[in-house]
PDB file of all heavy atoms in Angstrom:
ATOM      1  N   PRO A   1      -1.549  -5.444   0.611  1.00  0.00           N
ATOM      2  CA  PRO A   1      -1.894  -4.321   1.607  1.00  0.00           C
ATOM      3  C   PRO A   1      -2.848  -3.352   0.999  1.00  0.00           C
ATOM      4  O   PRO A   1      -2.657  -2.909  -0.117  1.00  0.00           O
ATOM      5  CB  PRO A   1      -0.589  -3.670   1.964  1.00  0.00           C
ATOM      6  CG  PRO A   1       0.412  -4.891   1.652  1.00  0.00           C
ATOM      7  CD  PRO A   1      -0.095  -5.595   0.553  1.00  0.00           C
ATOM      8  N   ARG A   2      -3.884  -2.935   1.759  1.00  0.00           N
ATOM      9  CA  ARG A   2      -4.809  -1.999   1.296  1.00  0.00           C
ATOM     10  C   ARG A   2      -5.072  -1.091   2.588  1.00  0.00           C
ATOM     11  O   ARG A   2      -4.866  -1.422   3.706  1.00  0.00           O
ATOM     12  CB  ARG A   2      -6.187  -2.701   0.869  1.00  0.00           C
ATOM     13  CG  ARG A   2      -6.128  -3.455  -0.393  1.00  0.00           C
ATOM     14  CD  ARG A   2      -6.004  -2.524  -1.530  1.00  0.00           C
ATOM     15  NE  ARG A   2      -6.263  -3.152  -2.853  1.00  0.00           N
ATOM     16  CZ  ARG A   2      -5.334  -3.677  -3.679  1.00  0.00           C
ATOM     17  NH1 ARG A   2      -4.083  -3.601  -3.410  1.00  0.00           N
ATOM     18  NH2 ARG A   2      -5.738  -4.164  -4.795  1.00  0.00           N
ATOM     19  N   PRO A   3      -5.670   0.005   2.314  1.00  0.00           N
ATOM     20  CA  PRO A   3      -6.215   0.843   3.454  1.00  0.00           C
ATOM     21  C   PRO A   3      -7.372   0.050   4.086  1.00  0.00           C
ATOM     22  O   PRO A   3      -7.718  -1.050   3.665  1.00  0.00           O
ATOM     23  CB  PRO A   3      -6.721   2.155   2.718  1.00  0.00           C
ATOM     24  CG  PRO A   3      -6.985   1.712   1.354  1.00  0.00           C
ATOM     25  CD  PRO A   3      -6.016   0.679   0.985  1.00  0.00           C
ATOM     26  N   GLU A   4      -7.864   0.657   5.051  1.00  0.00           N
ATOM     27  CA  GLU A   4      -8.846  -0.158   6.002  1.00  0.00           C
ATOM     28  C   GLU A   4     -10.061  -0.515   5.138  1.00  0.00           C
ATOM     29  O   GLU A   4     -10.597  -1.580   5.426  1.00  0.00           O
ATOM     30  CB  GLU A   4      -9.199   0.612   7.200  1.00  0.00           C
ATOM     31  CG  GLU A   4      -9.997  -0.145   8.195  1.00  0.00           C
ATOM     32  CD  GLU A   4     -10.222   0.558   9.534  1.00  0.00           C
ATOM     33  OE1 GLU A   4      -9.623   1.737   9.592  1.00  0.00           O
ATOM     34  OE2 GLU A   4     -10.867   0.048  10.412  1.00  0.00           O
ATOM     35  N   TRP A   5     -10.590   0.373   4.270  1.00  0.00           N
ATOM     36  CA  TRP A   5     -11.793   0.033   3.570  1.00  0.00           C
ATOM     37  C   TRP A   5     -11.675  -0.094   2.042  1.00  0.00           C
ATOM     38  O   TRP A   5     -11.763  -1.143   1.545  1.00  0.00           O
ATOM     39  CB  TRP A   5     -12.851   1.198   3.885  1.00  0.00           C
ATOM     40  CG  TRP A   5     -13.112   1.330   5.353  1.00  0.00           C
ATOM     41  CD1 TRP A   5     -12.821   2.409   6.137  1.00  0.00           C
ATOM     42  CD2 TRP A   5     -13.806   0.438   6.221  1.00  0.00           C
ATOM     43  NE1 TRP A   5     -13.142   2.131   7.429  1.00  0.00           N
ATOM     44  CE2 TRP A   5     -13.812   0.982   7.515  1.00  0.00           C
ATOM     45  CE3 TRP A   5     -14.227  -0.836   5.978  1.00  0.00           C
ATOM     46  CZ2 TRP A   5     -14.403   0.321   8.569  1.00  0.00           C
ATOM     47  CZ3 TRP A   5     -14.896  -1.568   7.138  1.00  0.00           C
ATOM     48  CH2 TRP A   5     -14.922  -0.922   8.359  1.00  0.00           C
ATOM     49  N   ALA A   6     -11.274   1.012   1.439  1.00  0.00           N
ATOM     50  CA  ALA A   6     -11.253   0.970  -0.075  1.00  0.00           C
ATOM     51  C   ALA A   6     -10.157   0.116  -0.635  1.00  0.00           C
ATOM     52  O   ALA A   6      -9.179  -0.213   0.039  1.00  0.00           O
ATOM     53  CB  ALA A   6     -11.188   2.407  -0.618  1.00  0.00           C
ATOM     54  N   ASP A   7     -10.307  -0.271  -1.920  1.00  0.00           N
ATOM     55  CA  ASP A   7      -9.275  -1.052  -2.565  1.00  0.00           C
ATOM     56  C   ASP A   7      -8.227  -0.090  -3.211  1.00  0.00           C
ATOM     57  O   ASP A   7      -7.462  -0.477  -4.079  1.00  0.00           O
ATOM     58  CB  ASP A   7      -9.875  -1.960  -3.673  1.00  0.00           C
ATOM     59  CG  ASP A   7     -10.236  -3.311  -3.213  1.00  0.00           C
ATOM     60  OD1 ASP A   7      -9.825  -3.677  -2.064  1.00  0.00           O
ATOM     61  OD2 ASP A   7     -10.925  -4.081  -3.942  1.00  0.00           O
ATOM     62  N   TRP A   8      -8.238   1.131  -2.747  1.00  0.00           N
ATOM     63  CA  TRP A   8      -7.202   2.083  -3.204  1.00  0.00           C
ATOM     64  C   TRP A   8      -7.013   3.034  -1.914  1.00  0.00           C
ATOM     65  O   TRP A   8      -7.783   3.015  -0.965  1.00  0.00           O
ATOM     66  CB  TRP A   8      -7.618   2.867  -4.363  1.00  0.00           C
ATOM     67  CG  TRP A   8      -8.752   3.884  -4.119  1.00  0.00           C
ATOM     68  CD1 TRP A   8      -8.808   5.149  -3.586  1.00  0.00           C
ATOM     69  CD2 TRP A   8     -10.212   3.515  -4.347  1.00  0.00           C
ATOM     70  NE1 TRP A   8      -9.960   5.599  -3.596  1.00  0.00           N
ATOM     71  CE2 TRP A   8     -10.951   4.624  -4.008  1.00  0.00           C
ATOM     72  CE3 TRP A   8     -10.840   2.305  -4.822  1.00  0.00           C
ATOM     73  CZ2 TRP A   8     -12.280   4.617  -4.063  1.00  0.00           C
ATOM     74  CZ3 TRP A   8     -12.249   2.365  -4.877  1.00  0.00           C
ATOM     75  CH2 TRP A   8     -12.951   3.537  -4.525  1.00  0.00           C
ATOM     76  N   THR A   9      -5.907   3.740  -1.931  1.00  0.00           N
ATOM     77  CA  THR A   9      -5.688   4.811  -0.874  1.00  0.00           C
ATOM     78  C   THR A   9      -5.352   6.148  -1.515  1.00  0.00           C
ATOM     79  O   THR A   9      -4.836   6.168  -2.609  1.00  0.00           O
ATOM     80  CB  THR A   9      -4.502   4.326   0.057  1.00  0.00           C
ATOM     81  OG1 THR A   9      -4.353   5.287   1.052  1.00  0.00           O
ATOM     82  CG2 THR A   9      -3.284   4.118  -0.834  1.00  0.00           C
ATOM     83  N   ILE A  10      -5.688   7.232  -0.871  1.00  0.00           N
ATOM     84  CA  ILE A  10      -5.331   8.519  -1.241  1.00  0.00           C
ATOM     85  C   ILE A  10      -3.915   8.893  -0.770  1.00  0.00           C
ATOM     86  O   ILE A  10      -3.549  10.059  -1.024  1.00  0.00           O
ATOM     87  CB  ILE A  10      -6.396   9.552  -0.931  1.00  0.00           C
ATOM     88  CG1 ILE A  10      -6.611   9.550   0.637  1.00  0.00           C
ATOM     89  CG2 ILE A  10      -7.725   9.220  -1.734  1.00  0.00           C
ATOM     90  CD1 ILE A  10      -7.523  10.792   0.976  1.00  0.00           C
ATOM     91  N   ASP A  11      -3.387   8.147   0.064  1.00  0.00           N
ATOM     92  CA  ASP A  11      -2.075   8.447   0.643  1.00  0.00           C
ATOM     93  C   ASP A  11      -1.102   7.504   0.093  1.00  0.00           C
ATOM     94  O   ASP A  11      -0.885   6.319   0.618  1.00  0.00           O
ATOM     95  CB  ASP A  11      -2.200   8.310   2.181  1.00  0.00           C
ATOM     96  CG  ASP A  11      -0.832   8.947   2.924  1.00  0.00           C
ATOM     97  OD1 ASP A  11       0.149   8.734   2.276  1.00  0.00           O
ATOM     98  OD2 ASP A  11      -1.048   9.370   4.040  1.00  0.00           O
ATOM     99  N   ARG A  12      -0.344   7.883  -0.865  1.00  0.00           N
ATOM    100  CA  ARG A  12       0.623   7.086  -1.599  1.00  0.00           C
ATOM    101  C   ARG A  12       1.825   6.652  -0.563  1.00  0.00           C
ATOM    102  O   ARG A  12       2.341   5.539  -0.644  1.00  0.00           O
ATOM    103  CB  ARG A  12       1.172   7.787  -2.780  1.00  0.00           C
ATOM    104  CG  ARG A  12       2.162   6.904  -3.580  1.00  0.00           C
ATOM    105  CD  ARG A  12       3.106   7.640  -4.404  1.00  0.00           C
ATOM    106  NE  ARG A  12       4.035   6.830  -5.070  1.00  0.00           N
ATOM    107  CZ  ARG A  12       5.141   6.309  -4.485  1.00  0.00           C
ATOM    108  NH1 ARG A  12       5.444   6.605  -3.244  1.00  0.00           N
ATOM    109  NH2 ARG A  12       5.941   5.484  -5.113  1.00  0.00           N
ATOM    110  N   ALA A  13       2.162   7.544   0.278  1.00  0.00           N
ATOM    111  CA  ALA A  13       3.252   7.283   1.183  1.00  0.00           C
ATOM    112  C   ALA A  13       3.030   6.163   2.084  1.00  0.00           C
ATOM    113  O   ALA A  13       3.818   5.265   2.368  1.00  0.00           O
ATOM    114  CB  ALA A  13       3.582   8.555   2.040  1.00  0.00           C
ATOM    115  N   VAL A  14       1.713   6.014   2.615  1.00  0.00           N
ATOM    116  CA  VAL A  14       1.297   5.009   3.519  1.00  0.00           C
ATOM    117  C   VAL A  14       1.321   3.651   2.704  1.00  0.00           C
ATOM    118  O   VAL A  14       1.777   2.613   3.147  1.00  0.00           O
ATOM    119  CB  VAL A  14      -0.060   5.265   4.134  1.00  0.00           C
ATOM    120  CG1 VAL A  14      -0.668   4.032   4.732  1.00  0.00           C
ATOM    121  CG2 VAL A  14      -0.011   6.476   5.088  1.00  0.00           C
ATOM    122  N   LEU A  15       0.846   3.642   1.450  1.00  0.00           N
ATOM    123  CA  LEU A  15       0.807   2.477   0.635  1.00  0.00           C
ATOM    124  C   LEU A  15       2.170   2.009   0.311  1.00  0.00           C
ATOM    125  O   LEU A  15       2.471   0.766   0.414  1.00  0.00           O
ATOM    126  CB  LEU A  15       0.003   2.737  -0.606  1.00  0.00           C
ATOM    127  CG  LEU A  15      -0.257   1.518  -1.532  1.00  0.00           C
ATOM    128  CD1 LEU A  15      -1.197   0.553  -0.734  1.00  0.00           C
ATOM    129  CD2 LEU A  15      -0.866   1.902  -2.753  1.00  0.00           C
ATOM    130  N   GLU A  16       3.072   2.915   0.061  1.00  0.00           N
ATOM    131  CA  GLU A  16       4.538   2.540  -0.179  1.00  0.00           C
ATOM    132  C   GLU A  16       5.154   1.926   0.965  1.00  0.00           C
ATOM    133  O   GLU A  16       5.993   0.925   0.816  1.00  0.00           O
ATOM    134  CB  GLU A  16       5.218   3.767  -0.802  1.00  0.00           C
ATOM    135  CG  GLU A  16       6.791   3.515  -1.016  1.00  0.00           C
ATOM    136  CD  GLU A  16       7.007   2.395  -1.969  1.00  0.00           C
ATOM    137  OE1 GLU A  16       6.270   2.088  -2.797  1.00  0.00           O
ATOM    138  OE2 GLU A  16       8.162   1.819  -1.904  1.00  0.00           O
ATOM    139  N   GLY A  17       4.928   2.406   2.209  1.00  0.00           N
ATOM    140  CA  GLY A  17       5.454   1.801   3.321  1.00  0.00           C
ATOM    141  C   GLY A  17       4.916   0.354   3.472  1.00  0.00           C
ATOM    142  O   GLY A  17       5.694  -0.520   3.943  1.00  0.00           O
ATOM    143  N   ALA A  18       3.582   0.172   3.312  1.00  0.00           N
ATOM    144  CA  ALA A  18       3.134  -1.073   3.482  1.00  0.00           C
ATOM    145  C   ALA A  18       3.626  -2.049   2.358  1.00  0.00           C
ATOM    146  O   ALA A  18       3.840  -3.241   2.611  1.00  0.00           O
ATOM    147  CB  ALA A  18       1.550  -1.105   3.267  1.00  0.00           C
ATOM    148  N   ARG A  19       3.810  -1.602   1.126  1.00  0.00           N
ATOM    149  CA  ARG A  19       4.518  -2.412   0.104  1.00  0.00           C
ATOM    150  C   ARG A  19       5.827  -2.891   0.444  1.00  0.00           C
ATOM    151  O   ARG A  19       6.185  -4.034   0.383  1.00  0.00           O
ATOM    152  CB  ARG A  19       4.502  -1.597  -1.223  1.00  0.00           C
ATOM    153  CG  ARG A  19       4.938  -2.384  -2.485  1.00  0.00           C
ATOM    154  CD  ARG A  19       5.531  -1.501  -3.547  1.00  0.00           C
ATOM    155  NE  ARG A  19       6.701  -0.796  -3.235  1.00  0.00           N
ATOM    156  CZ  ARG A  19       7.899  -1.351  -3.274  1.00  0.00           C
ATOM    157  NH1 ARG A  19       8.076  -2.614  -3.585  1.00  0.00           N
ATOM    158  NH2 ARG A  19       8.977  -0.712  -2.917  1.00  0.00           N
ATOM    159  N   ARG A  20       6.684  -1.983   1.041  1.00  0.00           N
ATOM    160  CA  ARG A  20       8.065  -2.298   1.304  1.00  0.00           C
ATOM    161  C   ARG A  20       7.994  -3.307   2.442  1.00  0.00           C
ATOM    162  O   ARG A  20       8.830  -4.221   2.520  1.00  0.00           O
ATOM    163  CB  ARG A  20       8.829  -1.036   1.794  1.00  0.00           C
ATOM    164  CG  ARG A  20       9.235  -0.114   0.678  1.00  0.00           C
ATOM    165  CD  ARG A  20      10.253   0.890   1.045  1.00  0.00           C
ATOM    166  NE  ARG A  20       9.903   1.566   2.256  1.00  0.00           N
ATOM    167  CZ  ARG A  20       9.318   2.788   2.156  1.00  0.00           C
ATOM    168  NH1 ARG A  20       9.088   3.356   1.057  1.00  0.00           N
ATOM    169  NH2 ARG A  20       9.005   3.456   3.341  1.00  0.00           N
ATOM    170  N   GLY A  21       7.103  -3.178   3.435  1.00  0.00           N
ATOM    171  CA  GLY A  21       7.092  -4.067   4.528  1.00  0.00           C
ATOM    172  C   GLY A  21       6.467  -5.441   4.199  1.00  0.00           C
ATOM    173  O   GLY A  21       6.777  -6.488   4.834  1.00  0.00           O
ATOM    174  N   ALA A  22       5.466  -5.442   3.434  1.00  0.00           N
ATOM    175  CA  ALA A  22       4.715  -6.748   3.262  1.00  0.00           C
ATOM    176  C   ALA A  22       4.632  -7.379   1.866  1.00  0.00           C
ATOM    177  O   ALA A  22       4.398  -8.524   1.760  1.00  0.00           O
ATOM    178  CB  ALA A  22       3.279  -6.429   3.837  1.00  0.00           C
ATOM    179  N   ALA A  23       4.801  -6.590   0.810  1.00  0.00           N
ATOM    180  CA  ALA A  23       4.729  -7.102  -0.447  1.00  0.00           C
ATOM    181  C   ALA A  23       5.744  -6.402  -1.319  1.00  0.00           C
ATOM    182  O   ALA A  23       5.373  -5.672  -2.330  1.00  0.00           O
ATOM    183  CB  ALA A  23       3.298  -6.848  -1.018  1.00  0.00           C
ATOM    184  N   PRO A  24       7.026  -6.616  -1.177  1.00  0.00           N
ATOM    185  CA  PRO A  24       7.949  -5.779  -1.971  1.00  0.00           C
ATOM    186  C   PRO A  24       8.080  -6.041  -3.398  1.00  0.00           C
ATOM    187  O   PRO A  24       8.717  -5.283  -4.198  1.00  0.00           O
ATOM    188  CB  PRO A  24       9.319  -6.074  -1.212  1.00  0.00           C
ATOM    189  CG  PRO A  24       9.061  -7.417  -0.574  1.00  0.00           C
ATOM    190  CD  PRO A  24       7.715  -7.437  -0.116  1.00  0.00           C
ATOM    191  N   ASP A  25       7.514  -7.178  -3.718  1.00  0.00           N
ATOM    192  CA  ASP A  25       7.537  -7.574  -5.227  1.00  0.00           C
ATOM    193  C   ASP A  25       6.282  -7.025  -5.963  1.00  0.00           C
ATOM    194  O   ASP A  25       6.115  -7.197  -7.079  1.00  0.00           O
ATOM    195  CB  ASP A  25       7.603  -9.092  -5.415  1.00  0.00           C
ATOM    196  CG  ASP A  25       6.512  -9.842  -4.692  1.00  0.00           C
ATOM    197  OD1 ASP A  25       5.906  -9.220  -3.767  1.00  0.00           O
ATOM    198  OD2 ASP A  25       6.204 -10.948  -5.091  1.00  0.00           O
ATOM    199  N   SER A  26       5.410  -6.278  -5.237  1.00  0.00           N
ATOM    200  CA  SER A  26       4.287  -5.732  -5.870  1.00  0.00           C
ATOM    201  C   SER A  26       4.662  -4.337  -6.412  1.00  0.00           C
ATOM    202  O   SER A  26       5.732  -3.847  -6.057  1.00  0.00           O
ATOM    203  CB  SER A  26       3.051  -5.557  -4.942  1.00  0.00           C
ATOM    204  OG  SER A  26       3.389  -4.760  -3.926  1.00  0.00           O
ATOM    205  N   THR A  27       3.762  -3.724  -7.228  1.00  0.00           N
ATOM    206  CA  THR A  27       4.022  -2.386  -7.815  1.00  0.00           C
ATOM    207  C   THR A  27       2.908  -1.400  -7.434  1.00  0.00           C
ATOM    208  O   THR A  27       1.714  -1.732  -7.481  1.00  0.00           O
ATOM    209  CB  THR A  27       4.051  -2.630  -9.314  1.00  0.00           C
ATOM    210  OG1 THR A  27       5.085  -3.543  -9.773  1.00  0.00           O
ATOM    211  CG2 THR A  27       4.220  -1.301 -10.029  1.00  0.00           C
ATOM    212  N   VAL A  28       3.372  -0.243  -7.151  1.00  0.00           N
ATOM    213  CA  VAL A  28       2.364   0.798  -6.842  1.00  0.00           C
ATOM    214  C   VAL A  28       1.766   1.360  -8.161  1.00  0.00           C
ATOM    215  O   VAL A  28       2.627   1.730  -9.102  1.00  0.00           O
ATOM    216  CB  VAL A  28       2.945   1.951  -6.113  1.00  0.00           C
ATOM    217  CG1 VAL A  28       1.941   3.194  -5.911  1.00  0.00           C
ATOM    218  CG2 VAL A  28       3.439   1.582  -4.636  1.00  0.00           C
TER     219      VAL A  28
END
């Protein structure tokens, strides 16, 4: 999971939500 454009996001909370939902074995 990534934000719409960049390979990083400035919103950690959004990324963590995506991690839990789609890639729980990945690391922030």
